[in-house]
Amino acid sequence: MKDIAILVTEEGSQTFTDGSTFQKALAEARANEQLNRPIVVDFHNVLDTVPSTTVVSPGIVCLSFVKRTSHYMRQKTTRDILARIKTKQIRYGVIVFERGKGNDVYTCSSIGSKAWFCQLVNAKIFIDDSLDHVASVSNHCKKTNTILIRQGHITKKESQIAALCNIVESITVHSSLQHCFSAVGEKRDDRFNKHEKRFKRFCENNVVLSKAGFRVESYYPCSEQWRSHTHGIQILPMFDSNYLYLESNESQLVGGWCFKDMRELQAIVKDVMDTIKQT
């Protein structure tokens, strides 16, 4: 029998080949769960973008897909999930091995898939960076709020895919895990609360950026690198076709900047404006 899932708890990990046995073990892991309907978060490129010591939100459960034949990724992901259990960031984690293919790519709910797991726990929120996983959960778990993490919204081509037509409108898009929660890991200080609307208005009303096809989002810096900063902005393309290259490293201008006050913010936006005008 092929493996369908790995359950990772503070006691260790266990691999399952039978759905009913997995559900019994899952029920034990969910005992005294903080939320009856957990927040299910993908690990790679989502949960691993924040430090393991950051408490994102109560009731977080980690769910990761890896290839069934990749023993290295099984072991590495298991270790990574266990490390976050020990820091109390998550209660437990699950690794699954099924993913949609062909006509089933956006509607997969087979045993061992992410949609299957979200159905088992009646997930309140599901956050992932892969459209196929998000679409499958949205298709089969009507009461689950699905969030897609990506830079840029769902493209016109994607929205025209037959399997997505009926569910694409129910998918919320965020550029990072930080934007999914009002404050990641720490309580906002009074200065941020006082000036948040002012910063947001300044960013959203920036004519030069909007004409160039970019939008600006505000967020709360949560990484260790920016702990001393109280505000952040992220410049993102309004459409996937918009891009801008910086002369320094020729990287796409879809990045974030942190600042401590309005003066620093104005300096950042001026530099970005100058770069736009030179292109």
Foldseek 3Di string as FASTA:
>chain_A
DAWFKWKAALVGIDIDDDDVVVLVVVVVLCVPAPDLAAAEEEVPQAVVVADLLWQFDGRYEYEYEDASPPPVCVVVVSVVQNSSCVSVSHGIYMYFHDADDDPCRQADCDRRALLVVCVSSLHQEYEEQDNSNQSNNVNRRVNYQYEHADFFADAPVNCPPPSNVVRSVSYHYDPGNQVVDQHIRDDADPVCVVCVVVVQCVQQPDPLLVVLQKGKDKGADRHPVCVVFRIKIWIGGNHPPRWFADPVPRDTRGGMDTDRDPVVVVVVVVVVSVRSVVD
